[in-house]
Amino acid sequence: SGDIDELKADLDWHEENFMAKQTYIEQGLEMSRDVLKTSPMDGRRRALYIISDGKLDDEFMSRPAVEALHTTNPRPEVFGIVVRRFKTHTDVDEDAEANIKPMTSAPQDDHFINVEMDTMAQPD
């Protein structure tokens, strides 16, 4: 929705309902594809954001779902965001970047960012 209060409430919910340290996105990608397929063709652009603070645990299983998204009509622009804990890069966020960036739309450098967590919490 883009509503900041709604986004903050969603983040609070996820922090309060922590489930696991692993990150699996295959099912979410498939659900996103289904939503896009059934959404009205009204000329609006579509976007999908993959946000993670670490490497995906289902990278290889997710590839067919990502390929299907890139061929869905209307085709969404797929963006990747890795949220790192520190100012300097670590193996954790570099591993995340290595498996999320290839999932993004071309040109990938324009559709991907590796950002420090504190930067996301600061208003402009």
N, C-alpha and C. Protein backbone atom coordinates (compact mmCIF):
# COMPACT_ATOMS: atom_id res chain seq x y z
N SER A 1 0.82 -1.19 0.00
CA SER A 1 0.00 0.00 0.00
C SER A 1 0.86 1.26 0.00
N GLY A 2 2.06 1.18 0.56
CA GLY A 2 2.92 2.35 0.66
C GLY A 2 2.64 3.20 1.90
N ASP A 3 1.63 2.84 2.68
CA ASP A 3 1.27 3.58 3.89
C ASP A 3 2.29 3.25 4.98
N ILE A 4 3.02 4.24 5.47
CA ILE A 4 4.10 4.01 6.43
C ILE A 4 3.60 3.39 7.73
N ASP A 5 2.43 3.80 8.20
CA ASP A 5 1.89 3.22 9.44
C ASP A 5 1.57 1.73 9.25
N GLU A 6 1.05 1.39 8.08
CA GLU A 6 0.75 -0.01 7.79
C GLU A 6 2.03 -0.83 7.71
N LEU A 7 3.05 -0.28 7.08
CA LEU A 7 4.33 -0.98 6.97
C LEU A 7 4.96 -1.18 8.35
N LYS A 8 4.90 -0.17 9.21
CA LYS A 8 5.45 -0.29 10.56
C LYS A 8 4.69 -1.35 11.35
N ALA A 9 3.37 -1.38 11.21
CA ALA A 9 2.57 -2.39 11.91
C ALA A 9 2.93 -3.79 11.43
N ASP A 10 3.15 -3.95 10.13
CA ASP A 10 3.55 -5.25 9.59
C ASP A 10 4.91 -5.68 10.14
N LEU A 11 5.86 -4.74 10.20
CA LEU A 11 7.18 -5.07 10.75
C LEU A 11 7.08 -5.45 12.22
N ASP A 12 6.27 -4.71 12.99
CA ASP A 12 6.07 -5.04 14.40
C ASP A 12 5.49 -6.45 14.54
N TRP A 13 4.52 -6.79 13.69
CA TRP A 13 3.90 -8.11 13.75
C TRP A 13 4.94 -9.19 13.50
N HIS A 14 5.79 -9.00 12.50
CA HIS A 14 6.81 -10.00 12.18
C HIS A 14 7.83 -10.15 13.30
N GLU A 15 8.17 -9.06 13.96
CA GLU A 15 9.10 -9.16 15.08
C GLU A 15 8.46 -9.90 16.25
N GLU A 16 7.19 -9.67 16.49
CA GLU A 16 6.50 -10.31 17.61
C GLU A 16 6.16 -11.78 17.31
N ASN A 17 6.11 -12.16 16.05
CA ASN A 17 5.72 -13.51 15.66
C ASN A 17 6.85 -14.23 14.93
N PHE A 18 8.06 -14.09 15.44
CA PHE A 18 9.23 -14.70 14.83
C PHE A 18 9.03 -16.21 14.73
N MET A 19 9.31 -16.78 13.54
CA MET A 19 9.06 -18.20 13.33
C MET A 19 10.34 -19.02 13.13
N ALA A 20 11.30 -18.49 12.40
CA ALA A 20 12.48 -19.28 12.10
C ALA A 20 13.60 -18.39 11.60
N LYS A 21 14.82 -18.92 11.63
CA LYS A 21 15.97 -18.17 11.10
C LYS A 21 16.14 -18.39 9.61
N GLN A 22 15.47 -19.34 9.05
CA GLN A 22 15.60 -19.62 7.62
C GLN A 22 14.70 -18.68 6.82
N THR A 23 15.06 -18.51 5.55
CA THR A 23 14.28 -17.66 4.66
C THR A 23 13.86 -18.48 3.45
N TYR A 24 12.56 -18.69 3.30
CA TYR A 24 12.01 -19.44 2.17
C TYR A 24 11.04 -18.53 1.43
N ILE A 25 11.20 -18.43 0.10
CA ILE A 25 10.34 -17.51 -0.64
C ILE A 25 9.58 -18.17 -1.80
N GLU A 26 9.85 -19.44 -2.07
CA GLU A 26 9.22 -20.08 -3.23
C GLU A 26 7.70 -19.94 -3.21
N GLN A 27 7.07 -20.28 -2.12
CA GLN A 27 5.61 -20.21 -2.04
C GLN A 27 5.11 -18.78 -2.19
N GLY A 28 5.81 -17.82 -1.60
CA GLY A 28 5.42 -16.42 -1.73
C GLY A 28 5.53 -15.93 -3.17
N LEU A 29 6.57 -16.38 -3.88
CA LEU A 29 6.71 -16.01 -5.30
C LEU A 29 5.57 -16.59 -6.13
N GLU A 30 5.22 -17.83 -5.84
CA GLU A 30 4.11 -18.46 -6.58
C GLU A 30 2.79 -17.74 -6.30
N MET A 31 2.58 -17.37 -5.04
CA MET A 31 1.36 -16.63 -4.71
C MET A 31 1.35 -15.27 -5.40
N SER A 32 2.49 -14.60 -5.44
CA SER A 32 2.58 -13.31 -6.12
C SER A 32 2.25 -13.44 -7.60
N ARG A 33 2.78 -14.47 -8.23
CA ARG A 33 2.49 -14.70 -9.64
C ARG A 33 1.00 -14.89 -9.86
N ASP A 34 0.35 -15.67 -8.99
CA ASP A 34 -1.09 -15.90 -9.12
C ASP A 34 -1.89 -14.61 -8.94
N VAL A 35 -1.48 -13.78 -8.00
CA VAL A 35 -2.16 -12.49 -7.79
C VAL A 35 -2.01 -11.62 -9.03
N LEU A 36 -0.80 -11.57 -9.57
CA LEU A 36 -0.56 -10.75 -10.76
C LEU A 36 -1.36 -11.24 -11.96
N LYS A 37 -1.48 -12.54 -12.11
CA LYS A 37 -2.23 -13.11 -13.24
C LYS A 37 -3.71 -12.73 -13.18
N THR A 38 -4.24 -12.62 -11.97
CA THR A 38 -5.67 -12.35 -11.84
C THR A 38 -5.99 -10.88 -11.61
N SER A 39 -4.96 -10.04 -11.50
CA SER A 39 -5.23 -8.62 -11.29
C SER A 39 -5.65 -7.97 -12.60
N PRO A 40 -6.47 -6.94 -12.52
CA PRO A 40 -6.97 -6.30 -13.75
C PRO A 40 -5.85 -5.69 -14.59
N MET A 41 -6.01 -5.76 -15.89
CA MET A 41 -5.06 -5.17 -16.82
C MET A 41 -5.49 -3.72 -17.05
N ASP A 42 -5.14 -2.85 -16.12
CA ASP A 42 -5.61 -1.47 -16.17
C ASP A 42 -4.50 -0.47 -16.49
N GLY A 43 -3.37 -0.96 -17.00
CA GLY A 43 -2.30 -0.08 -17.40
C GLY A 43 -1.31 0.27 -16.30
N ARG A 44 -1.59 -0.14 -15.05
CA ARG A 44 -0.65 0.14 -13.98
C ARG A 44 0.56 -0.79 -14.07
N ARG A 45 1.71 -0.25 -13.69
CA ARG A 45 2.92 -1.08 -13.64
C ARG A 45 2.88 -1.93 -12.38
N ARG A 46 3.48 -3.10 -12.47
CA ARG A 46 3.52 -4.03 -11.34
C ARG A 46 4.95 -4.11 -10.82
N ALA A 47 5.09 -4.27 -9.50
CA ALA A 47 6.41 -4.40 -8.89
C ALA A 47 6.35 -5.47 -7.80
N LEU A 48 7.44 -6.20 -7.69
CA LEU A 48 7.59 -7.20 -6.64
C LEU A 48 8.92 -6.93 -5.95
N TYR A 49 8.90 -6.88 -4.63
CA TYR A 49 10.10 -6.61 -3.85
C TYR A 49 10.47 -7.85 -3.06
N ILE A 50 11.71 -8.31 -3.23
CA ILE A 50 12.25 -9.41 -2.44
C ILE A 50 13.19 -8.77 -1.43
N ILE A 51 12.83 -8.86 -0.15
CA ILE A 51 13.60 -8.22 0.91
C ILE A 51 14.08 -9.31 1.86
N SER A 52 15.38 -9.31 2.14
CA SER A 52 15.92 -10.32 3.04
C SER A 52 17.12 -9.77 3.80
N ASP A 53 17.35 -10.36 4.96
CA ASP A 53 18.53 -9.99 5.74
C ASP A 53 19.57 -11.10 5.70
N GLY A 54 19.36 -12.06 4.83
CA GLY A 54 20.31 -13.16 4.72
C GLY A 54 20.03 -13.99 3.48
N LYS A 55 20.86 -14.99 3.29
CA LYS A 55 20.76 -15.87 2.13
C LYS A 55 19.43 -16.63 2.15
N LEU A 56 18.88 -16.84 0.97
CA LEU A 56 17.66 -17.63 0.85
C LEU A 56 17.99 -19.10 1.02
N ASP A 57 17.17 -19.81 1.78
CA ASP A 57 17.40 -21.24 2.00
C ASP A 57 16.76 -22.10 0.92
N ASP A 58 15.95 -21.51 0.06
CA ASP A 58 15.33 -22.27 -1.03
C ASP A 58 15.68 -21.67 -2.39
N GLU A 59 16.90 -21.18 -2.52
CA GLU A 59 17.32 -20.49 -3.75
C GLU A 59 17.06 -21.34 -4.99
N PHE A 60 17.47 -22.60 -4.96
CA PHE A 60 17.33 -23.44 -6.15
C PHE A 60 15.87 -23.82 -6.41
N MET A 61 15.10 -24.04 -5.36
CA MET A 61 13.69 -24.35 -5.54
C MET A 61 12.91 -23.14 -6.01
N SER A 62 13.39 -21.94 -5.71
CA SER A 62 12.69 -20.71 -6.09
C SER A 62 12.92 -20.31 -7.53
N ARG A 63 13.95 -20.83 -8.17
CA ARG A 63 14.27 -20.39 -9.54
C ARG A 63 13.11 -20.55 -10.52
N PRO A 64 12.41 -21.70 -10.55
CA PRO A 64 11.27 -21.80 -11.48
C PRO A 64 10.18 -20.77 -11.20
N ALA A 65 9.95 -20.47 -9.92
CA ALA A 65 8.94 -19.46 -9.57
C ALA A 65 9.37 -18.08 -10.04
N VAL A 66 10.65 -17.78 -9.94
CA VAL A 66 11.17 -16.48 -10.40
C VAL A 66 11.06 -16.40 -11.92
N GLU A 67 11.44 -17.47 -12.61
CA GLU A 67 11.35 -17.48 -14.08
C GLU A 67 9.90 -17.30 -14.52
N ALA A 68 8.97 -17.92 -13.81
CA ALA A 68 7.55 -17.76 -14.15
C ALA A 68 7.10 -16.32 -13.94
N LEU A 69 7.59 -15.68 -12.89
CA LEU A 69 7.25 -14.27 -12.66
C LEU A 69 7.73 -13.38 -13.81
N HIS A 70 8.91 -13.67 -14.29
CA HIS A 70 9.48 -12.85 -15.37
C HIS A 70 8.77 -13.05 -16.70
N THR A 71 7.92 -14.06 -16.79
CA THR A 71 7.16 -14.28 -18.03
C THR A 71 5.66 -14.06 -17.82
N THR A 72 5.27 -13.67 -16.61
CA THR A 72 3.87 -13.38 -16.32
C THR A 72 3.42 -12.14 -17.09
N ASN A 73 2.18 -12.15 -17.53
CA ASN A 73 1.63 -10.98 -18.19
C ASN A 73 0.49 -10.46 -17.31
N PRO A 74 0.57 -9.26 -16.77
CA PRO A 74 1.62 -8.27 -16.99
C PRO A 74 2.88 -8.63 -16.21
N ARG A 75 4.02 -8.38 -16.80
CA ARG A 75 5.30 -8.71 -16.18
C ARG A 75 5.64 -7.67 -15.11
N PRO A 76 5.89 -8.13 -13.89
CA PRO A 76 6.28 -7.17 -12.84
C PRO A 76 7.77 -6.84 -12.93
N GLU A 77 8.12 -5.68 -12.44
CA GLU A 77 9.53 -5.38 -12.24
C GLU A 77 9.88 -5.97 -10.89
N VAL A 78 10.93 -6.79 -10.86
CA VAL A 78 11.33 -7.47 -9.64
C VAL A 78 12.56 -6.75 -9.06
N PHE A 79 12.41 -6.30 -7.82
CA PHE A 79 13.48 -5.59 -7.12
C PHE A 79 13.99 -6.45 -5.97
N GLY A 80 15.26 -6.37 -5.68
CA GLY A 80 15.84 -7.09 -4.56
C GLY A 80 16.47 -6.12 -3.58
N ILE A 81 16.22 -6.37 -2.30
CA ILE A 81 16.79 -5.52 -1.24
C ILE A 81 17.38 -6.44 -0.18
N VAL A 82 18.67 -6.29 0.06
CA VAL A 82 19.32 -6.99 1.17
C VAL A 82 19.53 -5.96 2.26
N VAL A 83 19.04 -6.27 3.43
CA VAL A 83 19.17 -5.39 4.59
C VAL A 83 20.27 -5.97 5.48
N ARG A 84 21.37 -5.23 5.59
CA ARG A 84 22.49 -5.71 6.40
C ARG A 84 22.50 -5.00 7.75
N ARG A 85 23.11 -5.65 8.74
CA ARG A 85 23.13 -5.12 10.10
C ARG A 85 24.19 -4.05 10.31
N PHE A 86 25.26 -4.10 9.53
CA PHE A 86 26.41 -3.23 9.81
C PHE A 86 26.73 -2.33 8.63
N LYS A 87 27.54 -1.30 8.88
CA LYS A 87 27.97 -0.42 7.79
C LYS A 87 28.83 -1.17 6.78
N THR A 88 29.68 -2.04 7.28
CA THR A 88 30.54 -2.82 6.39
C THR A 88 29.82 -4.09 5.96
N HIS A 89 30.20 -4.59 4.80
CA HIS A 89 29.60 -5.81 4.28
C HIS A 89 30.18 -7.03 4.99
N THR A 90 29.33 -8.03 5.20
CA THR A 90 29.76 -9.29 5.81
C THR A 90 29.48 -10.42 4.83
N ASP A 91 29.98 -11.60 5.15
CA ASP A 91 29.70 -12.77 4.32
C ASP A 91 28.20 -13.04 4.22
N VAL A 92 27.48 -12.75 5.30
CA VAL A 92 26.03 -13.01 5.32
C VAL A 92 25.31 -12.18 4.26
N ASP A 93 25.56 -10.88 4.24
CA ASP A 93 24.83 -10.07 3.25
C ASP A 93 25.40 -10.24 1.85
N GLU A 94 26.67 -10.56 1.73
CA GLU A 94 27.22 -10.83 0.39
C GLU A 94 26.65 -12.12 -0.19
N ASP A 95 26.43 -13.14 0.67
CA ASP A 95 25.77 -14.38 0.21
C ASP A 95 24.33 -14.09 -0.21
N ALA A 96 23.65 -13.25 0.56
CA ALA A 96 22.27 -12.89 0.23
C ALA A 96 22.23 -12.16 -1.11
N GLU A 97 23.15 -11.24 -1.31
CA GLU A 97 23.21 -10.51 -2.57
C GLU A 97 23.47 -11.46 -3.74
N ALA A 98 24.35 -12.43 -3.53
CA ALA A 98 24.70 -13.37 -4.60
C ALA A 98 23.51 -14.21 -5.06
N ASN A 99 22.55 -14.49 -4.17
CA ASN A 99 21.42 -15.30 -4.64
C ASN A 99 20.15 -14.51 -4.88
N ILE A 100 20.04 -13.27 -4.40
CA ILE A 100 18.84 -12.47 -4.68
C ILE A 100 19.00 -11.63 -5.94
N LYS A 101 20.16 -11.05 -6.14
CA LYS A 101 20.35 -10.15 -7.29
C LYS A 101 20.02 -10.82 -8.63
N PRO A 102 20.41 -12.09 -8.86
CA PRO A 102 20.06 -12.73 -10.13
C PRO A 102 18.54 -12.91 -10.35
N MET A 103 17.75 -12.75 -9.31
CA MET A 103 16.30 -12.90 -9.42
C MET A 103 15.63 -11.61 -9.89
N THR A 104 16.35 -10.51 -9.87
CA THR A 104 15.75 -9.21 -10.18
C THR A 104 15.64 -8.98 -11.68
N SER A 105 14.87 -7.98 -12.02
CA SER A 105 14.69 -7.59 -13.43
C SER A 105 15.96 -6.94 -13.96
N ALA A 106 16.10 -6.96 -15.27
CA ALA A 106 17.23 -6.31 -15.93
C ALA A 106 16.92 -4.83 -16.13
N PRO A 107 17.91 -4.00 -16.05
CA PRO A 107 19.28 -4.27 -15.64
C PRO A 107 19.35 -4.46 -14.13
N GLN A 108 20.02 -5.51 -13.70
CA GLN A 108 20.01 -5.89 -12.29
C GLN A 108 20.61 -4.84 -11.36
N ASP A 109 21.60 -4.10 -11.82
CA ASP A 109 22.17 -3.06 -10.96
C ASP A 109 21.17 -1.96 -10.63
N ASP A 110 20.18 -1.77 -11.49
CA ASP A 110 19.14 -0.76 -11.25
C ASP A 110 17.98 -1.31 -10.42
N HIS A 111 17.94 -2.62 -10.21
CA HIS A 111 16.83 -3.25 -9.50
C HIS A 111 17.27 -3.91 -8.19
N PHE A 112 18.45 -3.58 -7.73
CA PHE A 112 18.97 -4.23 -6.52
C PHE A 112 19.72 -3.22 -5.66
N ILE A 113 19.58 -3.39 -4.33
CA ILE A 113 20.34 -2.56 -3.39
C ILE A 113 20.67 -3.40 -2.16
N ASN A 114 21.85 -3.17 -1.62
CA ASN A 114 22.28 -3.77 -0.37
C ASN A 114 22.42 -2.60 0.59
N VAL A 115 21.55 -2.52 1.57
CA VAL A 115 21.44 -1.31 2.40
C VAL A 115 21.58 -1.64 3.88
N GLU A 116 22.20 -0.74 4.61
CA GLU A 116 22.34 -0.90 6.05
C GLU A 116 20.98 -0.71 6.73
N MET A 117 20.68 -1.56 7.69
CA MET A 117 19.37 -1.54 8.36
C MET A 117 19.04 -0.17 8.94
N ASP A 118 20.01 0.49 9.56
CA ASP A 118 19.74 1.80 10.17
C ASP A 118 19.35 2.84 9.13
N THR A 119 19.82 2.69 7.92
CA THR A 119 19.47 3.63 6.84
C THR A 119 17.98 3.54 6.51
N MET A 120 17.42 2.35 6.59
CA MET A 120 16.01 2.16 6.26
C MET A 120 15.10 2.79 7.30
N ALA A 121 15.55 2.88 8.53
CA ALA A 121 14.72 3.42 9.60
C ALA A 121 14.75 4.94 9.69
N GLN A 122 15.63 5.58 8.96
CA GLN A 122 15.76 7.04 9.03
C GLN A 122 14.94 7.70 7.95
N PRO A 123 14.10 8.66 8.32
CA PRO A 123 13.35 9.40 7.29
C PRO A 123 14.28 10.33 6.52
N ASP A 124 13.88 10.68 5.33
CA ASP A 124 14.70 11.58 4.50
C ASP A 124 14.79 12.96 5.11
